Amino acid sequence: MVFRNWQLLEVPVAKDNRGGPRRGAGRPKGSRNKATNAREAIAEILDVDDPHMLAGAIHKRGHTLLTEMERIACDPTQPVGAGIMAARTALPFL
């Protein structure tokens, strides 16, 4: 179903692969994006309560947390998204 100009329209199911809306296409509702997954992975590694407050945690805990973020960013065994998020969070403090 699609709403257009405040009218409910029935969307035909695509019979061939020529584009158009299809049932089940796209990201499912409630799924998390890559940035959220990386932020939560870093918060779990660093034992931070709120994944959205990584910069605040660096200010509170000081230099040790910053070096830990650098370690995560350079560690090849960590997920790539976590390394990128760690580098992005630590960069303003260097």
PDB file of N, CA and C in Angstrom:
ATOM      1  N   MET A   1       0.831  -1.186   0.000  1.00  0.00           N
ATOM      2  CA  MET A   1       0.000   0.000   0.000  1.00  0.00           C
ATOM      3  C   MET A   1       0.871   1.242   0.000  1.00  0.00           C
ATOM      4  N   VAL A   2       0.450   2.248  -0.682  1.00  0.00           N
ATOM      5  CA  VAL A   2       1.171   3.509  -0.773  1.00  0.00           C
ATOM      6  C   VAL A   2       0.167   4.631  -0.601  1.00  0.00           C
ATOM      7  N   PHE A   3       0.561   5.656   0.154  1.00  0.00           N
ATOM      8  CA  PHE A   3      -0.281   6.835   0.309  1.00  0.00           C
ATOM      9  C   PHE A   3       0.225   7.910  -0.632  1.00  0.00           C
ATOM     10  N   ARG A   4      -0.638   8.406  -1.488  1.00  0.00           N
ATOM     11  CA  ARG A   4      -0.266   9.484  -2.386  1.00  0.00           C
ATOM     12  C   ARG A   4      -1.427  10.470  -2.407  1.00  0.00           C
ATOM     13  N   ASN A   5      -1.118  11.736  -2.089  1.00  0.00           N
ATOM     14  CA  ASN A   5      -2.153  12.771  -2.043  1.00  0.00           C
ATOM     15  C   ASN A   5      -3.308  12.358  -1.131  1.00  0.00           C
ATOM     16  N   TRP A   6      -2.951  11.760   0.011  1.00  0.00           N
ATOM     17  CA  TRP A   6      -3.906  11.368   1.044  1.00  0.00           C
ATOM     18  C   TRP A   6      -4.886  10.309   0.559  1.00  0.00           C
ATOM     19  N   GLN A   7      -4.525   9.557  -0.448  1.00  0.00           N
ATOM     20  CA  GLN A   7      -5.342   8.452  -0.920  1.00  0.00           C
ATOM     21  C   GLN A   7      -4.544   7.167  -0.763  1.00  0.00           C
ATOM     22  N   LEU A   8      -5.244   6.140  -0.412  1.00  0.00           N
ATOM     23  CA  LEU A   8      -4.607   4.839  -0.266  1.00  0.00           C
ATOM     24  C   LEU A   8      -4.624   4.132  -1.613  1.00  0.00           C
ATOM     25  N   LEU A   9      -3.451   3.803  -2.120  1.00  0.00           N
ATOM     26  CA  LEU A   9      -3.346   3.132  -3.410  1.00  0.00           C
ATOM     27  C   LEU A   9      -2.792   1.736  -3.202  1.00  0.00           C
ATOM     28  N   GLU A  10      -3.286   0.801  -3.931  1.00  0.00           N
ATOM     29  CA  GLU A  10      -2.753  -0.554  -3.893  1.00  0.00           C
ATOM     30  C   GLU A  10      -1.531  -0.615  -4.804  1.00  0.00           C
ATOM     31  N   VAL A  11      -0.449  -1.163  -4.295  1.00  0.00           N
ATOM     32  CA  VAL A  11       0.768  -1.303  -5.089  1.00  0.00           C
ATOM     33  C   VAL A  11       0.787  -2.705  -5.674  1.00  0.00           C
ATOM     34  N   PRO A  12       0.836  -2.814  -6.978  1.00  0.00           N
ATOM     35  CA  PRO A  12       0.872  -4.160  -7.564  1.00  0.00           C
ATOM     36  C   PRO A  12       2.205  -4.837  -7.259  1.00  0.00           C
ATOM     37  N   VAL A  13       2.142  -6.115  -7.059  1.00  0.00           N
ATOM     38  CA  VAL A  13       3.357  -6.883  -6.816  1.00  0.00           C
ATOM     39  C   VAL A  13       4.105  -6.995  -8.141  1.00  0.00           C
ATOM     40  N   ALA A  14       5.414  -6.734  -8.093  1.00  0.00           N
ATOM     41  CA  ALA A  14       6.216  -6.776  -9.319  1.00  0.00           C
ATOM     42  C   ALA A  14       6.270  -8.210  -9.839  1.00  0.00           C
ATOM     43  N   LYS A  15       5.824  -8.399 -11.068  1.00  0.00           N
ATOM     44  CA  LYS A  15       5.810  -9.734 -11.659  1.00  0.00           C
ATOM     45  C   LYS A  15       7.140 -10.062 -12.323  1.00  0.00           C
ATOM     46  N   ASP A  16       7.861  -9.050 -12.682  1.00  0.00           N
ATOM     47  CA  ASP A  16       9.181  -9.257 -13.249  1.00  0.00           C
ATOM     48  C   ASP A  16      10.139  -8.288 -12.563  1.00  0.00           C
ATOM     49  N   ASN A  17      11.385  -8.449 -12.788  1.00  0.00           N
ATOM     50  CA  ASN A  17      12.388  -7.635 -12.104  1.00  0.00           C
ATOM     51  C   ASN A  17      12.650  -6.346 -12.865  1.00  0.00           C
ATOM     52  N   ARG A  18      11.674  -5.485 -12.914  1.00  0.00           N
ATOM     53  CA  ARG A  18      11.832  -4.222 -13.604  1.00  0.00           C
ATOM     54  C   ARG A  18      11.679  -3.044 -12.656  1.00  0.00           C
ATOM     55  N   GLY A  19      12.004  -3.211 -11.427  1.00  0.00           N
ATOM     56  CA  GLY A  19      11.936  -2.117 -10.471  1.00  0.00           C
ATOM     57  C   GLY A  19      10.563  -1.982  -9.851  1.00  0.00           C
ATOM     58  N   GLY A  20      10.378  -0.907  -9.125  1.00  0.00           N
ATOM     59  CA  GLY A  20       9.118  -0.685  -8.445  1.00  0.00           C
ATOM     60  C   GLY A  20       9.144  -1.261  -7.044  1.00  0.00           C
ATOM     61  N   PRO A  21       8.186  -0.886  -6.237  1.00  0.00           N
ATOM     62  CA  PRO A  21       8.152  -1.375  -4.857  1.00  0.00           C
ATOM     63  C   PRO A  21       7.845  -2.870  -4.808  1.00  0.00           C
ATOM     64  N   ARG A  22       8.552  -3.570  -3.940  1.00  0.00           N
ATOM     65  CA  ARG A  22       8.341  -4.997  -3.771  1.00  0.00           C
ATOM     66  C   ARG A  22       8.219  -5.300  -2.291  1.00  0.00           C
ATOM     67  N   ARG A  23       7.392  -6.265  -1.998  1.00  0.00           N
ATOM     68  CA  ARG A  23       7.214  -6.681  -0.623  1.00  0.00           C
ATOM     69  C   ARG A  23       8.511  -7.258  -0.072  1.00  0.00           C
ATOM     70  N   GLY A  24       8.889  -6.852   1.132  1.00  0.00           N
ATOM     71  CA  GLY A  24      10.092  -7.367   1.761  1.00  0.00           C
ATOM     72  C   GLY A  24      11.371  -6.678   1.334  1.00  0.00           C
ATOM     73  N   ALA A  25      11.287  -5.685   0.462  1.00  0.00           N
ATOM     74  CA  ALA A  25      12.486  -4.985   0.001  1.00  0.00           C
ATOM     75  C   ALA A  25      12.895  -3.941   1.031  1.00  0.00           C
ATOM     76  N   GLY A  26      14.168  -3.663   1.112  1.00  0.00           N
ATOM     77  CA  GLY A  26      14.672  -2.627   2.007  1.00  0.00           C
ATOM     78  C   GLY A  26      15.071  -3.175   3.365  1.00  0.00           C
ATOM     79  N   ARG A  27      15.554  -2.268   4.203  1.00  0.00           N
ATOM     80  CA  ARG A  27      15.994  -2.647   5.537  1.00  0.00           C
ATOM     81  C   ARG A  27      14.781  -2.872   6.432  1.00  0.00           C
ATOM     82  N   PRO A  28      14.759  -3.943   7.208  1.00  0.00           N
ATOM     83  CA  PRO A  28      13.632  -4.193   8.099  1.00  0.00           C
ATOM     84  C   PRO A  28      13.525  -3.122   9.183  1.00  0.00           C
ATOM     85  N   LYS A  29      12.307  -2.858   9.628  1.00  0.00           N
ATOM     86  CA  LYS A  29      12.098  -1.880  10.689  1.00  0.00           C
ATOM     87  C   LYS A  29      12.769  -2.372  11.964  1.00  0.00           C
ATOM     88  N   GLY A  30      13.408  -1.451  12.674  1.00  0.00           N
ATOM     89  CA  GLY A  30      14.056  -1.786  13.929  1.00  0.00           C
ATOM     90  C   GLY A  30      15.461  -2.331  13.792  1.00  0.00           C
ATOM     91  N   SER A  31      15.929  -2.559  12.584  1.00  0.00           N
ATOM     92  CA  SER A  31      17.296  -3.046  12.423  1.00  0.00           C
ATOM     93  C   SER A  31      18.270  -1.892  12.648  1.00  0.00           C
ATOM     94  N   ARG A  32      19.456  -2.219  13.069  1.00  0.00           N
ATOM     95  CA  ARG A  32      20.441  -1.192  13.406  1.00  0.00           C
ATOM     96  C   ARG A  32      21.392  -0.982  12.240  1.00  0.00           C
ATOM     97  N   ASN A  33      21.876   0.254  12.105  1.00  0.00           N
ATOM     98  CA  ASN A  33      22.816   0.539  11.026  1.00  0.00           C
ATOM     99  C   ASN A  33      24.243   0.261  11.494  1.00  0.00           C
ATOM    100  N   LYS A  34      25.197   0.400  10.598  1.00  0.00           N
ATOM    101  CA  LYS A  34      26.586   0.058  10.895  1.00  0.00           C
ATOM    102  C   LYS A  34      27.173   0.945  11.981  1.00  0.00           C
ATOM    103  N   ALA A  35      26.824   2.230  11.983  1.00  0.00           N
ATOM    104  CA  ALA A  35      27.376   3.148  12.982  1.00  0.00           C
ATOM    105  C   ALA A  35      26.905   2.771  14.380  1.00  0.00           C
ATOM    106  N   THR A  36      25.644   2.405  14.527  1.00  0.00           N
ATOM    107  CA  THR A  36      25.124   2.005  15.834  1.00  0.00           C
ATOM    108  C   THR A  36      25.806   0.733  16.313  1.00  0.00           C
ATOM    109  N   ASN A  37      25.965  -0.233  15.435  1.00  0.00           N
ATOM    110  CA  ASN A  37      26.645  -1.475  15.813  1.00  0.00           C
ATOM    111  C   ASN A  37      28.085  -1.206  16.236  1.00  0.00           C
ATOM    112  N   ALA A  38      28.797  -0.348  15.509  1.00  0.00           N
ATOM    113  CA  ALA A  38      30.186  -0.031  15.849  1.00  0.00           C
ATOM    114  C   ALA A  38      30.260   0.708  17.174  1.00  0.00           C
ATOM    115  N   ARG A  39      29.362   1.670  17.390  1.00  0.00           N
ATOM    116  CA  ARG A  39      29.347   2.442  18.630  1.00  0.00           C
ATOM    117  C   ARG A  39      29.094   1.527  19.828  1.00  0.00           C
ATOM    118  N   GLU A  40      28.169   0.584  19.687  1.00  0.00           N
ATOM    119  CA  GLU A  40      27.885  -0.340  20.782  1.00  0.00           C
ATOM    120  C   GLU A  40      29.039  -1.304  21.019  1.00  0.00           C
ATOM    121  N   ALA A  41      29.742  -1.699  19.962  1.00  0.00           N
ATOM    122  CA  ALA A  41      30.903  -2.581  20.130  1.00  0.00           C
ATOM    123  C   ALA A  41      32.010  -1.872  20.906  1.00  0.00           C
ATOM    124  N   ILE A  42      32.244  -0.601  20.591  1.00  0.00           N
ATOM    125  CA  ILE A  42      33.268   0.163  21.307  1.00  0.00           C
ATOM    126  C   ILE A  42      32.860   0.365  22.753  1.00  0.00           C
ATOM    127  N   ALA A  43      31.586   0.692  22.990  1.00  0.00           N
ATOM    128  CA  ALA A  43      31.111   0.900  24.360  1.00  0.00           C
ATOM    129  C   ALA A  43      31.249  -0.373  25.181  1.00  0.00           C
ATOM    130  N   GLU A  44      31.021  -1.514  24.561  1.00  0.00           N
ATOM    131  CA  GLU A  44      31.169  -2.778  25.270  1.00  0.00           C
ATOM    132  C   GLU A  44      32.638  -3.065  25.581  1.00  0.00           C
ATOM    133  N   ILE A  45      33.519  -2.796  24.638  1.00  0.00           N
ATOM    134  CA  ILE A  45      34.950  -3.036  24.852  1.00  0.00           C
ATOM    135  C   ILE A  45      35.493  -2.132  25.950  1.00  0.00           C
ATOM    136  N   LEU A  46      35.068  -0.852  25.939  1.00  0.00           N
ATOM    137  CA  LEU A  46      35.589   0.130  26.890  1.00  0.00           C
ATOM    138  C   LEU A  46      34.806   0.191  28.189  1.00  0.00           C
ATOM    139  N   ASP A  47      33.738  -0.594  28.302  1.00  0.00           N
ATOM    140  CA  ASP A  47      32.884  -0.612  29.491  1.00  0.00           C
ATOM    141  C   ASP A  47      32.306   0.774  29.783  1.00  0.00           C
ATOM    142  N   VAL A  48      31.719   1.391  28.749  1.00  0.00           N
ATOM    143  CA  VAL A  48      31.049   2.686  28.865  1.00  0.00           C
ATOM    144  C   VAL A  48      29.555   2.416  28.918  1.00  0.00           C
ATOM    145  N   ASP A  49      28.843   3.114  29.827  1.00  0.00           N
ATOM    146  CA  ASP A  49      27.414   2.862  30.009  1.00  0.00           C
ATOM    147  C   ASP A  49      26.587   3.242  28.790  1.00  0.00           C
ATOM    148  N   ASP A  50      26.786   4.453  28.258  1.00  0.00           N
ATOM    149  CA  ASP A  50      25.977   4.945  27.142  1.00  0.00           C
ATOM    150  C   ASP A  50      26.829   5.011  25.878  1.00  0.00           C
ATOM    151  N   PRO A  51      26.499   4.238  24.856  1.00  0.00           N
ATOM    152  CA  PRO A  51      27.308   4.248  23.631  1.00  0.00           C
ATOM    153  C   PRO A  51      27.345   5.599  22.924  1.00  0.00           C
ATOM    154  N   HIS A  52      26.340   6.450  23.157  1.00  0.00           N
ATOM    155  CA  HIS A  52      26.300   7.753  22.491  1.00  0.00           C
ATOM    156  C   HIS A  52      27.171   8.791  23.200  1.00  0.00           C
ATOM    157  N   MET A  53      27.711   8.457  24.346  1.00  0.00           N
ATOM    158  CA  MET A  53      28.505   9.406  25.124  1.00  0.00           C
ATOM    159  C   MET A  53      29.972   9.000  25.198  1.00  0.00           C
ATOM    160  N   LEU A  54      30.533   8.519  24.096  1.00  0.00           N
ATOM    161  CA  LEU A  54      31.936   8.102  24.100  1.00  0.00           C
ATOM    162  C   LEU A  54      32.868   9.283  24.313  1.00  0.00           C
ATOM    163  N   ALA A  55      32.567  10.432  23.704  1.00  0.00           N
ATOM    164  CA  ALA A  55      33.425  11.609  23.879  1.00  0.00           C
ATOM    165  C   ALA A  55      33.389  12.084  25.326  1.00  0.00           C
ATOM    166  N   GLY A  56      32.224  12.054  25.953  1.00  0.00           N
ATOM    167  CA  GLY A  56      32.116  12.438  27.362  1.00  0.00           C
ATOM    168  C   GLY A  56      32.889  11.486  28.261  1.00  0.00           C
ATOM    169  N   ALA A  57      32.885  10.208  27.918  1.00  0.00           N
ATOM    170  CA  ALA A  57      33.638   9.229  28.697  1.00  0.00           C
ATOM    171  C   ALA A  57      35.137   9.467  28.568  1.00  0.00           C
ATOM    172  N   ILE A  58      35.588   9.912  27.401  1.00  0.00           N
ATOM    173  CA  ILE A  58      37.009  10.235  27.229  1.00  0.00           C
ATOM    174  C   ILE A  58      37.381  11.405  28.120  1.00  0.00           C
ATOM    175  N   HIS A  59      36.535  12.430  28.176  1.00  0.00           N
ATOM    176  CA  HIS A  59      36.813  13.576  29.045  1.00  0.00           C
ATOM    177  C   HIS A  59      36.869  13.157  30.510  1.00  0.00           C
ATOM    178  N   LYS A  60      35.960  12.292  30.938  1.00  0.00           N
ATOM    179  CA  LYS A  60      35.910  11.881  32.342  1.00  0.00           C
ATOM    180  C   LYS A  60      37.094  11.001  32.721  1.00  0.00           C
ATOM    181  N   ARG A  61      37.396  10.024  31.879  1.00  0.00           N
ATOM    182  CA  ARG A  61      38.430   9.056  32.233  1.00  0.00           C
ATOM    183  C   ARG A  61      39.811   9.449  31.754  1.00  0.00           C
ATOM    184  N   GLY A  62      39.875  10.455  30.907  1.00  0.00           N
ATOM    185  CA  GLY A  62      41.163  11.031  30.543  1.00  0.00           C
ATOM    186  C   GLY A  62      41.983  10.215  29.569  1.00  0.00           C
ATOM    187  N   HIS A  63      43.290  10.267  29.770  1.00  0.00           N
ATOM    188  CA  HIS A  63      44.263   9.749  28.812  1.00  0.00           C
ATOM    189  C   HIS A  63      44.154   8.242  28.617  1.00  0.00           C
ATOM    190  N   THR A  64      43.826   7.484  29.661  1.00  0.00           N
ATOM    191  CA  THR A  64      43.795   6.026  29.525  1.00  0.00           C
ATOM    192  C   THR A  64      42.733   5.579  28.528  1.00  0.00           C
ATOM    193  N   LEU A  65      41.580   6.220  28.548  1.00  0.00           N
ATOM    194  CA  LEU A  65      40.534   5.858  27.599  1.00  0.00           C
ATOM    195  C   LEU A  65      40.919   6.254  26.177  1.00  0.00           C
ATOM    196  N   LEU A  66      41.601   7.378  26.037  1.00  0.00           N
ATOM    197  CA  LEU A  66      42.036   7.813  24.708  1.00  0.00           C
ATOM    198  C   LEU A  66      43.043   6.822  24.111  1.00  0.00           C
ATOM    199  N   THR A  67      43.971   6.346  24.913  1.00  0.00           N
ATOM    200  CA  THR A  67      44.922   5.349  24.405  1.00  0.00           C
ATOM    201  C   THR A  67      44.213   4.036  24.090  1.00  0.00           C
ATOM    202  N   GLU A  68      43.190   3.712  24.867  1.00  0.00           N
ATOM    203  CA  GLU A  68      42.413   2.503  24.583  1.00  0.00           C
ATOM    204  C   GLU A  68      41.673   2.629  23.244  1.00  0.00           C
ATOM    205  N   MET A  69      41.143   3.824  22.958  1.00  0.00           N
ATOM    206  CA  MET A  69      40.475   4.060  21.678  1.00  0.00           C
ATOM    207  C   MET A  69      41.479   3.931  20.527  1.00  0.00           C
ATOM    208  N   GLU A  70      42.696   4.435  20.723  1.00  0.00           N
ATOM    209  CA  GLU A  70      43.733   4.302  19.700  1.00  0.00           C
ATOM    210  C   GLU A  70      44.082   2.835  19.474  1.00  0.00           C
ATOM    211  N   ARG A  71      44.100   2.058  20.549  1.00  0.00           N
ATOM    212  CA  ARG A  71      44.399   0.631  20.434  1.00  0.00           C
ATOM    213  C   ARG A  71      43.317  -0.076  19.622  1.00  0.00           C
ATOM    214  N   ILE A  72      42.050   0.269  19.877  1.00  0.00           N
ATOM    215  CA  ILE A  72      40.948  -0.340  19.129  1.00  0.00           C
ATOM    216  C   ILE A  72      41.041   0.033  17.654  1.00  0.00           C
ATOM    217  N   ALA A  73      41.378   1.296  17.384  1.00  0.00           N
ATOM    218  CA  ALA A  73      41.450   1.759  15.994  1.00  0.00           C
ATOM    219  C   ALA A  73      42.559   1.045  15.223  1.00  0.00           C
ATOM    220  N   CYS A  74      43.647   0.685  15.893  1.00  0.00           N
ATOM    221  CA  CYS A  74      44.790   0.064  15.208  1.00  0.00           C
ATOM    222  C   CYS A  74      44.787  -1.463  15.273  1.00  0.00           C
ATOM    223  N   ASP A  75      43.875  -2.053  16.047  1.00  0.00           N
ATOM    224  CA  ASP A  75      43.853  -3.500  16.242  1.00  0.00           C
ATOM    225  C   ASP A  75      43.130  -4.190  15.081  1.00  0.00           C
ATOM    226  N   PRO A  76      43.824  -5.041  14.318  1.00  0.00           N
ATOM    227  CA  PRO A  76      43.167  -5.705  13.181  1.00  0.00           C
ATOM    228  C   PRO A  76      42.172  -6.785  13.596  1.00  0.00           C
ATOM    229  N   THR A  77      42.198  -7.230  14.871  1.00  0.00           N
ATOM    230  CA  THR A  77      41.254  -8.261  15.302  1.00  0.00           C
ATOM    231  C   THR A  77      39.883  -7.687  15.650  1.00  0.00           C
ATOM    232  N   GLN A  78      39.790  -6.369  15.838  1.00  0.00           N
ATOM    233  CA  GLN A  78      38.503  -5.733  16.138  1.00  0.00           C
ATOM    234  C   GLN A  78      37.696  -5.570  14.855  1.00  0.00           C
ATOM    235  N   PRO A  79      36.366  -5.478  14.971  1.00  0.00           N
ATOM    236  CA  PRO A  79      35.558  -5.229  13.765  1.00  0.00           C
ATOM    237  C   PRO A  79      35.959  -3.911  13.102  1.00  0.00           C
ATOM    238  N   VAL A  80      35.885  -3.867  11.784  1.00  0.00           N
ATOM    239  CA  VAL A  80      36.302  -2.676  11.038  1.00  0.00           C
ATOM    240  C   VAL A  80      35.477  -1.465  11.451  1.00  0.00           C
ATOM    241  N   GLY A  81      34.174  -1.656  11.619  1.00  0.00           N
ATOM    242  CA  GLY A  81      33.311  -0.548  12.022  1.00  0.00           C
ATOM    243  C   GLY A  81      33.692   0.005  13.383  1.00  0.00           C
ATOM    244  N   ALA A  82      34.078  -0.869  14.304  1.00  0.00           N
ATOM    245  CA  ALA A  82      34.493  -0.416  15.632  1.00  0.00           C
ATOM    246  C   ALA A  82      35.790   0.382  15.541  1.00  0.00           C
ATOM    247  N   GLY A  83      36.712  -0.052  14.695  1.00  0.00           N
ATOM    248  CA  GLY A  83      37.967   0.682  14.528  1.00  0.00           C
ATOM    249  C   GLY A  83      37.750   2.062  13.938  1.00  0.00           C
ATOM    250  N   ILE A  84      36.878   2.142  12.947  1.00  0.00           N
ATOM    251  CA  ILE A  84      36.589   3.440  12.332  1.00  0.00           C
ATOM    252  C   ILE A  84      35.907   4.361  13.327  1.00  0.00           C
ATOM    253  N   MET A  85      34.932   3.837  14.081  1.00  0.00           N
ATOM    254  CA  MET A  85      34.225   4.658  15.065  1.00  0.00           C
ATOM    255  C   MET A  85      35.175   5.105  16.174  1.00  0.00           C
ATOM    256  N   ALA A  86      36.092   4.228  16.596  1.00  0.00           N
ATOM    257  CA  ALA A  86      37.055   4.598  17.630  1.00  0.00           C
ATOM    258  C   ALA A  86      37.982   5.698  17.133  1.00  0.00           C
ATOM    259  N   ALA A  87      38.447   5.582  15.903  1.00  0.00           N
ATOM    260  CA  ALA A  87      39.327   6.612  15.343  1.00  0.00           C
ATOM    261  C   ALA A  87      38.585   7.933  15.201  1.00  0.00           C
ATOM    262  N   ARG A  88      37.333   7.862  14.774  1.00  0.00           N
ATOM    263  CA  ARG A  88      36.542   9.084  14.599  1.00  0.00           C
ATOM    264  C   ARG A  88      36.269   9.769  15.936  1.00  0.00           C
ATOM    265  N   THR A  89      36.064   8.989  16.984  1.00  0.00           N
ATOM    266  CA  THR A  89      35.808   9.560  18.306  1.00  0.00           C
ATOM    267  C   THR A  89      37.084  10.119  18.917  1.00  0.00           C
ATOM    268  N   ALA A  90      38.219   9.446  18.709  1.00  0.00           N
ATOM    269  CA  ALA A  90      39.469   9.869  19.331  1.00  0.00           C
ATOM    270  C   ALA A  90      40.147  11.016  18.594  1.00  0.00           C
ATOM    271  N   LEU A  91      39.867  11.180  17.311  1.00  0.00           N
ATOM    272  CA  LEU A  91      40.564  12.171  16.492  1.00  0.00           C
ATOM    273  C   LEU A  91      40.496  13.599  17.031  1.00  0.00           C
ATOM    274  N   PRO A  92      39.364  14.112  17.505  1.00  0.00           N
ATOM    275  CA  PRO A  92      39.346  15.495  17.997  1.00  0.00           C
ATOM    276  C   PRO A  92      40.229  15.734  19.223  1.00  0.00           C
ATOM    277  N   PHE A  93      40.591  14.667  19.945  1.00  0.00           N
ATOM    278  CA  PHE A  93      41.375  14.826  21.162  1.00  0.00           C
ATOM    279  C   PHE A  93      42.874  14.726  20.919  1.00  0.00           C
ATOM    280  N   LEU A  94      43.291  14.409  19.705  1.00  0.00           N
ATOM    281  CA  LEU A  94      44.723  14.268  19.413  1.00  0.00           C
ATOM    282  C   LEU A  94      45.330  15.573  18.979  1.00  0.00           C
TER     283      LEU A  94
END
